[in-house]
Each structure stands twice: as C-alpha cells, then as structure tokens.
Amino acid sequence: MSNADIIIPVDAIAALEHGNKIEAIKITRMQNGLGLKESKDAIEAYLDRNPALNERFKLASSSGGNGMLYVLILGAAALAYLYVTGQL
C-alpha cells in the first residue's frame, strides 16, 4: 500500500491543523491498522501533497509553546504584583 492509498482520517487532519503531528500519526495508525513508520510516512506525504495545510501545521506547531510561555509570564507578573502590594 503506497502513502497515496492510505486514507487520512478527518480527526488526524484536525490534529494537524492544531499542530499535533503525533496525534495525527496515532489516529491514522489506529484507523488504518498500520505500523508507526507507515503512519508517519503517510502523514508526512499528506502534508507534502497539501501545502496549505502544511503551512497551517507549521504555524500551529511553532506557536504551541508560546501559550505556555505566556502563562508563565502572566503567573510571574501576578506573583510580582502580589509581592509588591504586600498581599503575598
């Protein structure tokens, strides 16, 4: 079975849209009964055939870590505020 013949489930495409390639590989693997390498190759081939999705995947996966950074900065700012105002 070639990568072009493997059906990429809608849930796997949604995972790619959110920048989660590992989840997309897991979903594709389970629904098609494939091995890890075959699923990974199928997902990467799908991204190569769909440049618009590939760009969205790159943007989503690169910004994924920024959310945690913002939470940490916000938490540090809240602690600093509480310390300065004497509430901590």
PDB file of N, CA and C in Angstrom:
ATOM      1  N   MET A   1       0.860  -1.181   0.000  1.00  0.00           N
ATOM      2  CA  MET A   1       0.000   0.000   0.000  1.00  0.00           C
ATOM      3  C   MET A   1       0.901   1.237   0.000  1.00  0.00           C
ATOM      4  N   SER A   2       0.696   2.123  -0.962  1.00  0.00           N
ATOM      5  CA  SER A   2       1.503   3.342  -1.018  1.00  0.00           C
ATOM      6  C   SER A   2       0.890   4.408  -0.112  1.00  0.00           C
ATOM      7  N   ASN A   3       1.702   5.422   0.198  1.00  0.00           N
ATOM      8  CA  ASN A   3       1.218   6.507   1.060  1.00  0.00           C
ATOM      9  C   ASN A   3       0.003   7.206   0.473  1.00  0.00           C
ATOM     10  N   ALA A   4      -0.081   7.257  -0.844  1.00  0.00           N
ATOM     11  CA  ALA A   4      -1.214   7.917  -1.501  1.00  0.00           C
ATOM     12  C   ALA A   4      -2.506   7.117  -1.330  1.00  0.00           C
ATOM     13  N   ASP A   5      -2.391   5.797  -1.090  1.00  0.00           N
ATOM     14  CA  ASP A   5      -3.568   4.946  -0.932  1.00  0.00           C
ATOM     15  C   ASP A   5      -4.128   4.946   0.484  1.00  0.00           C
ATOM     16  N   ILE A   6      -3.338   5.427   1.441  1.00  0.00           N
ATOM     17  CA  ILE A   6      -3.767   5.411   2.837  1.00  0.00           C
ATOM     18  C   ILE A   6      -4.742   6.555   3.082  1.00  0.00           C
ATOM     19  N   ILE A   7      -5.857   6.235   3.682  1.00  0.00           N
ATOM     20  CA  ILE A   7      -6.872   7.249   3.986  1.00  0.00           C
ATOM     21  C   ILE A   7      -6.488   7.948   5.283  1.00  0.00           C
ATOM     22  N   ILE A   8      -6.376   9.266   5.213  1.00  0.00           N
ATOM     23  CA  ILE A   8      -6.064  10.065   6.398  1.00  0.00           C
ATOM     24  C   ILE A   8      -7.397  10.476   7.021  1.00  0.00           C
ATOM     25  N   PRO A   9      -7.668  10.004   8.242  1.00  0.00           N
ATOM     26  CA  PRO A   9      -8.951  10.315   8.880  1.00  0.00           C
ATOM     27  C   PRO A   9      -9.126  11.815   9.151  1.00  0.00           C
ATOM     28  N   VAL A  10     -10.371  12.234   9.190  1.00  0.00           N
ATOM     29  CA  VAL A  10     -10.694  13.640   9.449  1.00  0.00           C
ATOM     30  C   VAL A  10     -10.112  14.096  10.787  1.00  0.00           C
ATOM     31  N   ASP A  11     -10.166  13.212  11.797  1.00  0.00           N
ATOM     32  CA  ASP A  11      -9.611  13.561  13.111  1.00  0.00           C
ATOM     33  C   ASP A  11      -8.106  13.809  13.030  1.00  0.00           C
ATOM     34  N   ALA A  12      -7.417  13.053  12.177  1.00  0.00           N
ATOM     35  CA  ALA A  12      -5.974  13.238  12.013  1.00  0.00           C
ATOM     36  C   ALA A  12      -5.691  14.578  11.336  1.00  0.00           C
ATOM     37  N   ILE A  13      -6.515  14.952  10.369  1.00  0.00           N
ATOM     38  CA  ILE A  13      -6.350  16.245   9.697  1.00  0.00           C
ATOM     39  C   ILE A  13      -6.585  17.374  10.696  1.00  0.00           C
ATOM     40  N   ALA A  14      -7.593  17.217  11.543  1.00  0.00           N
ATOM     41  CA  ALA A  14      -7.852  18.225  12.576  1.00  0.00           C
ATOM     42  C   ALA A  14      -6.667  18.345  13.527  1.00  0.00           C
ATOM     43  N   ALA A  15      -6.052  17.228  13.878  1.00  0.00           N
ATOM     44  CA  ALA A  15      -4.867  17.259  14.748  1.00  0.00           C
ATOM     45  C   ALA A  15      -3.728  18.012  14.074  1.00  0.00           C
ATOM     46  N   LEU A  16      -3.566  17.808  12.776  1.00  0.00           N
ATOM     47  CA  LEU A  16      -2.527  18.540  12.040  1.00  0.00           C
ATOM     48  C   LEU A  16      -2.815  20.040  12.030  1.00  0.00           C
ATOM     49  N   GLU A  17      -4.088  20.392  11.883  1.00  0.00           N
ATOM     50  CA  GLU A  17      -4.469  21.813  11.885  1.00  0.00           C
ATOM     51  C   GLU A  17      -4.120  22.470  13.215  1.00  0.00           C
ATOM     52  N   HIS A  18      -4.103  21.666  14.292  1.00  0.00           N
ATOM     53  CA  HIS A  18      -3.764  22.183  15.620  1.00  0.00           C
ATOM     54  C   HIS A  18      -2.283  22.004  15.943  1.00  0.00           C
ATOM     55  N   GLY A  19      -1.497  21.560  14.952  1.00  0.00           N
ATOM     56  CA  GLY A  19      -0.066  21.431  15.138  1.00  0.00           C
ATOM     57  C   GLY A  19       0.373  20.170  15.856  1.00  0.00           C
ATOM     58  N   ASN A  20      -0.486  19.138  15.883  1.00  0.00           N
ATOM     59  CA  ASN A  20      -0.172  17.928  16.621  1.00  0.00           C
ATOM     60  C   ASN A  20       0.032  16.748  15.675  1.00  0.00           C
ATOM     61  N   LYS A  21       1.248  16.634  15.157  1.00  0.00           N
ATOM     62  CA  LYS A  21       1.558  15.563  14.210  1.00  0.00           C
ATOM     63  C   LYS A  21       1.518  14.189  14.885  1.00  0.00           C
ATOM     64  N   ILE A  22       1.972  14.110  16.137  1.00  0.00           N
ATOM     65  CA  ILE A  22       1.985  12.824  16.838  1.00  0.00           C
ATOM     66  C   ILE A  22       0.574  12.267  16.970  1.00  0.00           C
ATOM     67  N   GLU A  23      -0.371  13.132  17.327  1.00  0.00           N
ATOM     68  CA  GLU A  23      -1.771  12.688  17.440  1.00  0.00           C
ATOM     69  C   GLU A  23      -2.299  12.243  16.083  1.00  0.00           C
ATOM     70  N   ALA A  24      -1.945  12.962  15.028  1.00  0.00           N
ATOM     71  CA  ALA A  24      -2.387  12.594  13.680  1.00  0.00           C
ATOM     72  C   ALA A  24      -1.834  11.228  13.287  1.00  0.00           C
ATOM     73  N   ILE A  25      -0.594  10.967  13.648  1.00  0.00           N
ATOM     74  CA  ILE A  25       0.018   9.667  13.345  1.00  0.00           C
ATOM     75  C   ILE A  25      -0.694   8.559  14.125  1.00  0.00           C
ATOM     76  N   LYS A  26      -0.979   8.801  15.402  1.00  0.00           N
ATOM     77  CA  LYS A  26      -1.680   7.799  16.228  1.00  0.00           C
ATOM     78  C   LYS A  26      -3.047   7.466  15.646  1.00  0.00           C
ATOM     79  N   ILE A  27      -3.784   8.506  15.275  1.00  0.00           N
ATOM     80  CA  ILE A  27      -5.136   8.295  14.731  1.00  0.00           C
ATOM     81  C   ILE A  27      -5.065   7.506  13.425  1.00  0.00           C
ATOM     82  N   THR A  28      -4.160   7.914  12.551  1.00  0.00           N
ATOM     83  CA  THR A  28      -4.009   7.240  11.254  1.00  0.00           C
ATOM     84  C   THR A  28      -3.588   5.788  11.458  1.00  0.00           C
ATOM     85  N   ARG A  29      -2.706   5.575  12.402  1.00  0.00           N
ATOM     86  CA  ARG A  29      -2.227   4.227  12.694  1.00  0.00           C
ATOM     87  C   ARG A  29      -3.367   3.329  13.173  1.00  0.00           C
ATOM     88  N   MET A  30      -4.157   3.834  14.106  1.00  0.00           N
ATOM     89  CA  MET A  30      -5.246   3.026  14.662  1.00  0.00           C
ATOM     90  C   MET A  30      -6.336   2.738  13.636  1.00  0.00           C
ATOM     91  N   GLN A  31      -6.720   3.740  12.865  1.00  0.00           N
ATOM     92  CA  GLN A  31      -7.858   3.567  11.960  1.00  0.00           C
ATOM     93  C   GLN A  31      -7.504   2.790  10.692  1.00  0.00           C
ATOM     94  N   ASN A  32      -6.195   2.739  10.370  1.00  0.00           N
ATOM     95  CA  ASN A  32      -5.787   2.003   9.170  1.00  0.00           C
ATOM     96  C   ASN A  32      -5.054   0.709   9.481  1.00  0.00           C
ATOM     97  N   GLY A  33      -4.803   0.439  10.778  1.00  0.00           N
ATOM     98  CA  GLY A  33      -4.092  -0.771  11.155  1.00  0.00           C
ATOM     99  C   GLY A  33      -2.663  -0.804  10.641  1.00  0.00           C
ATOM    100  N   LEU A  34      -1.993   0.347  10.675  1.00  0.00           N
ATOM    101  CA  LEU A  34      -0.637   0.457  10.155  1.00  0.00           C
ATOM    102  C   LEU A  34       0.388   0.444  11.272  1.00  0.00           C
ATOM    103  N   GLY A  35       1.640   0.278  10.891  1.00  0.00           N
ATOM    104  CA  GLY A  35       2.741   0.425  11.827  1.00  0.00           C
ATOM    105  C   GLY A  35       3.071   1.899  11.998  1.00  0.00           C
ATOM    106  N   LEU A  36       3.940   2.161  12.952  1.00  0.00           N
ATOM    107  CA  LEU A  36       4.311   3.544  13.252  1.00  0.00           C
ATOM    108  C   LEU A  36       4.979   4.227  12.060  1.00  0.00           C
ATOM    109  N   LYS A  37       5.946   3.559  11.429  1.00  0.00           N
ATOM    110  CA  LYS A  37       6.664   4.165  10.308  1.00  0.00           C
ATOM    111  C   LYS A  37       5.731   4.439   9.128  1.00  0.00           C
ATOM    112  N   GLU A  38       4.869   3.474   8.839  1.00  0.00           N
ATOM    113  CA  GLU A  38       3.940   3.662   7.711  1.00  0.00           C
ATOM    114  C   GLU A  38       2.990   4.835   7.979  1.00  0.00           C
ATOM    115  N   SER A  39       2.525   4.954   9.213  1.00  0.00           N
ATOM    116  CA  SER A  39       1.626   6.055   9.553  1.00  0.00           C
ATOM    117  C   SER A  39       2.339   7.399   9.478  1.00  0.00           C
ATOM    118  N   LYS A  40       3.566   7.446  10.007  1.00  0.00           N
ATOM    119  CA  LYS A  40       4.353   8.678   9.962  1.00  0.00           C
ATOM    120  C   LYS A  40       4.607   9.083   8.515  1.00  0.00           C
ATOM    121  N   ASP A  41       5.021   8.121   7.692  1.00  0.00           N
ATOM    122  CA  ASP A  41       5.278   8.415   6.278  1.00  0.00           C
ATOM    123  C   ASP A  41       4.019   8.886   5.568  1.00  0.00           C
ATOM    124  N   ALA A  42       2.866   8.285   5.907  1.00  0.00           N
ATOM    125  CA  ALA A  42       1.600   8.678   5.281  1.00  0.00           C
ATOM    126  C   ALA A  42       1.222  10.111   5.654  1.00  0.00           C
ATOM    127  N   ILE A  43       1.395  10.467   6.929  1.00  0.00           N
ATOM    128  CA  ILE A  43       1.074  11.826   7.376  1.00  0.00           C
ATOM    129  C   ILE A  43       2.005  12.831   6.712  1.00  0.00           C
ATOM    130  N   GLU A  44       3.295  12.525   6.659  1.00  0.00           N
ATOM    131  CA  GLU A  44       4.241  13.449   6.033  1.00  0.00           C
ATOM    132  C   GLU A  44       3.974  13.593   4.541  1.00  0.00           C
ATOM    133  N   ALA A  45       3.604  12.493   3.886  1.00  0.00           N
ATOM    134  CA  ALA A  45       3.257  12.557   2.465  1.00  0.00           C
ATOM    135  C   ALA A  45       1.992  13.392   2.264  1.00  0.00           C
ATOM    136  N   TYR A  46       1.034  13.233   3.166  1.00  0.00           N
ATOM    137  CA  TYR A  46      -0.205  14.022   3.081  1.00  0.00           C
ATOM    138  C   TYR A  46       0.100  15.517   3.220  1.00  0.00           C
ATOM    139  N   LEU A  47       0.972  15.854   4.166  1.00  0.00           N
ATOM    140  CA  LEU A  47       1.353  17.258   4.331  1.00  0.00           C
ATOM    141  C   LEU A  47       2.068  17.781   3.084  1.00  0.00           C
ATOM    142  N   ASP A  48       2.913  16.950   2.479  1.00  0.00           N
ATOM    143  CA  ASP A  48       3.617  17.362   1.261  1.00  0.00           C
ATOM    144  C   ASP A  48       2.651  17.603   0.106  1.00  0.00           C
ATOM    145  N   ARG A  49       1.568  16.800   0.048  1.00  0.00           N
ATOM    146  CA  ARG A  49       0.578  16.959  -1.030  1.00  0.00           C
ATOM    147  C   ARG A  49      -0.390  18.108  -0.785  1.00  0.00           C
ATOM    148  N   ASN A  50      -0.427  18.627   0.419  1.00  0.00           N
ATOM    149  CA  ASN A  50      -1.361  19.694   0.790  1.00  0.00           C
ATOM    150  C   ASN A  50      -0.595  20.879   1.378  1.00  0.00           C
ATOM    151  N   PRO A  51       0.012  21.717   0.521  1.00  0.00           N
ATOM    152  CA  PRO A  51       0.872  22.800   1.005  1.00  0.00           C
ATOM    153  C   PRO A  51       0.157  23.792   1.928  1.00  0.00           C
ATOM    154  N   ALA A  52      -1.116  24.059   1.715  1.00  0.00           N
ATOM    155  CA  ALA A  52      -1.834  24.999   2.579  1.00  0.00           C
ATOM    156  C   ALA A  52      -1.945  24.432   3.994  1.00  0.00           C
ATOM    157  N   LEU A  53      -2.289  23.151   4.096  1.00  0.00           N
ATOM    158  CA  LEU A  53      -2.366  22.504   5.406  1.00  0.00           C
ATOM    159  C   LEU A  53      -0.976  22.438   6.038  1.00  0.00           C
ATOM    160  N   ASN A  54       0.030  22.172   5.237  1.00  0.00           N
ATOM    161  CA  ASN A  54       1.404  22.105   5.740  1.00  0.00           C
ATOM    162  C   ASN A  54       1.810  23.448   6.365  1.00  0.00           C
ATOM    163  N   GLU A  55       1.445  24.543   5.734  1.00  0.00           N
ATOM    164  CA  GLU A  55       1.747  25.869   6.293  1.00  0.00           C
ATOM    165  C   GLU A  55       1.002  26.106   7.593  1.00  0.00           C
ATOM    166  N   ARG A  56      -0.282  25.740   7.628  1.00  0.00           N
ATOM    167  CA  ARG A  56      -1.059  25.896   8.871  1.00  0.00           C
ATOM    168  C   ARG A  56      -0.481  25.021   9.977  1.00  0.00           C
ATOM    169  N   PHE A  57      -0.044  23.800   9.607  1.00  0.00           N
ATOM    170  CA  PHE A  57       0.573  22.909  10.593  1.00  0.00           C
ATOM    171  C   PHE A  57       1.835  23.543  11.160  1.00  0.00           C
ATOM    172  N   LYS A  58       2.669  24.095  10.289  1.00  0.00           N
ATOM    173  CA  LYS A  58       3.917  24.711  10.748  1.00  0.00           C
ATOM    174  C   LYS A  58       3.628  25.883  11.682  1.00  0.00           C
ATOM    175  N   LEU A  59       2.641  26.695  11.328  1.00  0.00           N
ATOM    176  CA  LEU A  59       2.289  27.829  12.187  1.00  0.00           C
ATOM    177  C   LEU A  59       1.737  27.361  13.526  1.00  0.00           C
ATOM    178  N   ALA A  60       0.857  26.375  13.499  1.00  0.00           N
ATOM    179  CA  ALA A  60       0.246  25.884  14.733  1.00  0.00           C
ATOM    180  C   ALA A  60       1.271  25.204  15.631  1.00  0.00           C
ATOM    181  N   SER A  61       2.164  24.427  15.029  1.00  0.00           N
ATOM    182  CA  SER A  61       3.141  23.713  15.853  1.00  0.00           C
ATOM    183  C   SER A  61       4.213  24.654  16.392  1.00  0.00           C
ATOM    184  N   SER A  62       4.522  25.715  15.658  1.00  0.00           N
ATOM    185  CA  SER A  62       5.544  26.643  16.152  1.00  0.00           C
ATOM    186  C   SER A  62       4.986  27.562  17.233  1.00  0.00           C
ATOM    187  N   SER A  63       3.697  27.820  17.220  1.00  0.00           N
ATOM    188  CA  SER A  63       3.122  28.706  18.236  1.00  0.00           C
ATOM    189  C   SER A  63       2.628  27.947  19.447  1.00  0.00           C
ATOM    190  N   GLY A  64       2.647  26.625  19.414  1.00  0.00           N
ATOM    191  CA  GLY A  64       2.156  25.822  20.524  1.00  0.00           C
ATOM    192  C   GLY A  64       2.875  26.077  21.830  1.00  0.00           C
ATOM    193  N   GLY A  65       4.182  26.261  21.788  1.00  0.00           N
ATOM    194  CA  GLY A  65       4.941  26.504  23.003  1.00  0.00           C
ATOM    195  C   GLY A  65       4.766  27.904  23.543  1.00  0.00           C
ATOM    196  N   ASN A  66       4.338  28.825  22.709  1.00  0.00           N
ATOM    197  CA  ASN A  66       4.170  30.205  23.151  1.00  0.00           C
ATOM    198  C   ASN A  66       3.057  30.350  24.171  1.00  0.00           C
ATOM    199  N   GLY A  67       2.041  29.526  24.092  1.00  0.00           N
ATOM    200  CA  GLY A  67       0.949  29.599  25.047  1.00  0.00           C
ATOM    201  C   GLY A  67       1.438  29.349  26.465  1.00  0.00           C
ATOM    202  N   MET A  68       2.293  28.359  26.614  1.00  0.00           N
ATOM    203  CA  MET A  68       2.842  28.058  27.933  1.00  0.00           C
ATOM    204  C   MET A  68       3.734  29.204  28.402  1.00  0.00           C
ATOM    205  N   LEU A  69       4.481  29.789  27.500  1.00  0.00           N
ATOM    206  CA  LEU A  69       5.336  30.920  27.856  1.00  0.00           C
ATOM    207  C   LEU A  69       4.496  32.086  28.363  1.00  0.00           C
ATOM    208  N   TYR A  70       3.388  32.366  27.698  1.00  0.00           N
ATOM    209  CA  TYR A  70       2.507  33.448  28.125  1.00  0.00           C
ATOM    210  C   TYR A  70       1.930  33.178  29.516  1.00  0.00           C
ATOM    211  N   VAL A  71       1.563  31.933  29.771  1.00  0.00           N
ATOM    212  CA  VAL A  71       1.024  31.569  31.078  1.00  0.00           C
ATOM    213  C   VAL A  71       2.078  31.779  32.161  1.00  0.00           C
ATOM    214  N   LEU A  72       3.306  31.375  31.877  1.00  0.00           N
ATOM    215  CA  LEU A  72       4.382  31.553  32.855  1.00  0.00           C
ATOM    216  C   LEU A  72       4.657  33.033  33.123  1.00  0.00           C
ATOM    217  N   ILE A  73       4.674  33.835  32.066  1.00  0.00           N
ATOM    218  CA  ILE A  73       4.913  35.272  32.232  1.00  0.00           C
ATOM    219  C   ILE A  73       3.778  35.909  33.023  1.00  0.00           C
ATOM    220  N   LEU A  74       2.554  35.546  32.692  1.00  0.00           N
ATOM    221  CA  LEU A  74       1.398  36.086  33.404  1.00  0.00           C
ATOM    222  C   LEU A  74       1.426  35.687  34.881  1.00  0.00           C
ATOM    223  N   GLY A  75       1.776  34.450  35.146  1.00  0.00           N
ATOM    224  CA  GLY A  75       1.871  33.985  36.527  1.00  0.00           C
ATOM    225  C   GLY A  75       2.958  34.722  37.298  1.00  0.00           C
ATOM    226  N   ALA A  76       4.108  34.938  36.661  1.00  0.00           N
ATOM    227  CA  ALA A  76       5.197  35.672  37.310  1.00  0.00           C
ATOM    228  C   ALA A  76       4.780  37.113  37.588  1.00  0.00           C
ATOM    229  N   ALA A  77       4.067  37.719  36.638  1.00  0.00           N
ATOM    230  CA  ALA A  77       3.604  39.101  36.829  1.00  0.00           C
ATOM    231  C   ALA A  77       2.601  39.169  37.988  1.00  0.00           C
ATOM    232  N   ALA A  78       1.724  38.184  38.088  1.00  0.00           N
ATOM    233  CA  ALA A  78       0.745  38.167  39.177  1.00  0.00           C
ATOM    234  C   ALA A  78       1.445  38.011  40.524  1.00  0.00           C
ATOM    235  N   LEU A  79       2.430  37.125  40.597  1.00  0.00           N
ATOM    236  CA  LEU A  79       3.184  36.959  41.838  1.00  0.00           C
ATOM    237  C   LEU A  79       3.936  38.230  42.208  1.00  0.00           C
ATOM    238  N   ALA A  80       4.539  38.885  41.227  1.00  0.00           N
ATOM    239  CA  ALA A  80       5.263  40.126  41.491  1.00  0.00           C
ATOM    240  C   ALA A  80       4.307  41.195  42.006  1.00  0.00           C
ATOM    241  N   TYR A  81       3.121  41.287  41.409  1.00  0.00           N
ATOM    242  CA  TYR A  81       2.121  42.258  41.854  1.00  0.00           C
ATOM    243  C   TYR A  81       1.715  41.995  43.309  1.00  0.00           C
ATOM    244  N   LEU A  82       1.435  40.736  43.603  1.00  0.00           N
ATOM    245  CA  LEU A  82       1.039  40.383  44.968  1.00  0.00           C
ATOM    246  C   LEU A  82       2.164  40.667  45.964  1.00  0.00           C
ATOM    247  N   TYR A  83       3.392  40.415  45.568  1.00  0.00           N
ATOM    248  CA  TYR A  83       4.517  40.690  46.443  1.00  0.00           C
ATOM    249  C   TYR A  83       4.694  42.182  46.693  1.00  0.00           C
ATOM    250  N   VAL A  84       4.618  42.981  45.632  1.00  0.00           N
ATOM    251  CA  VAL A  84       4.812  44.425  45.743  1.00  0.00           C
ATOM    252  C   VAL A  84       3.682  45.069  46.567  1.00  0.00           C
ATOM    253  N   THR A  85       2.472  44.585  46.429  1.00  0.00           N
ATOM    254  CA  THR A  85       1.347  45.167  47.161  1.00  0.00           C
ATOM    255  C   THR A  85       1.218  44.613  48.581  1.00  0.00           C
ATOM    256  N   GLY A  86       2.122  43.708  48.948  1.00  0.00           N
ATOM    257  CA  GLY A  86       2.116  43.164  50.296  1.00  0.00           C
ATOM    258  C   GLY A  86       1.070  42.110  50.545  1.00  0.00           C
ATOM    259  N   GLN A  87       0.458  41.605  49.519  1.00  0.00           N
ATOM    260  CA  GLN A  87      -0.578  40.588  49.669  1.00  0.00           C
ATOM    261  C   GLN A  87      -0.011  39.168  49.643  1.00  0.00           C
ATOM    262  N   LEU A  88       1.296  39.077  49.494  1.00  0.00           N
ATOM    263  CA  LEU A  88       1.911  37.749  49.447  1.00  0.00           C
ATOM    264  C   LEU A  88       2.883  37.576  50.567  1.00  0.00           C
TER     265      LEU A  88
END
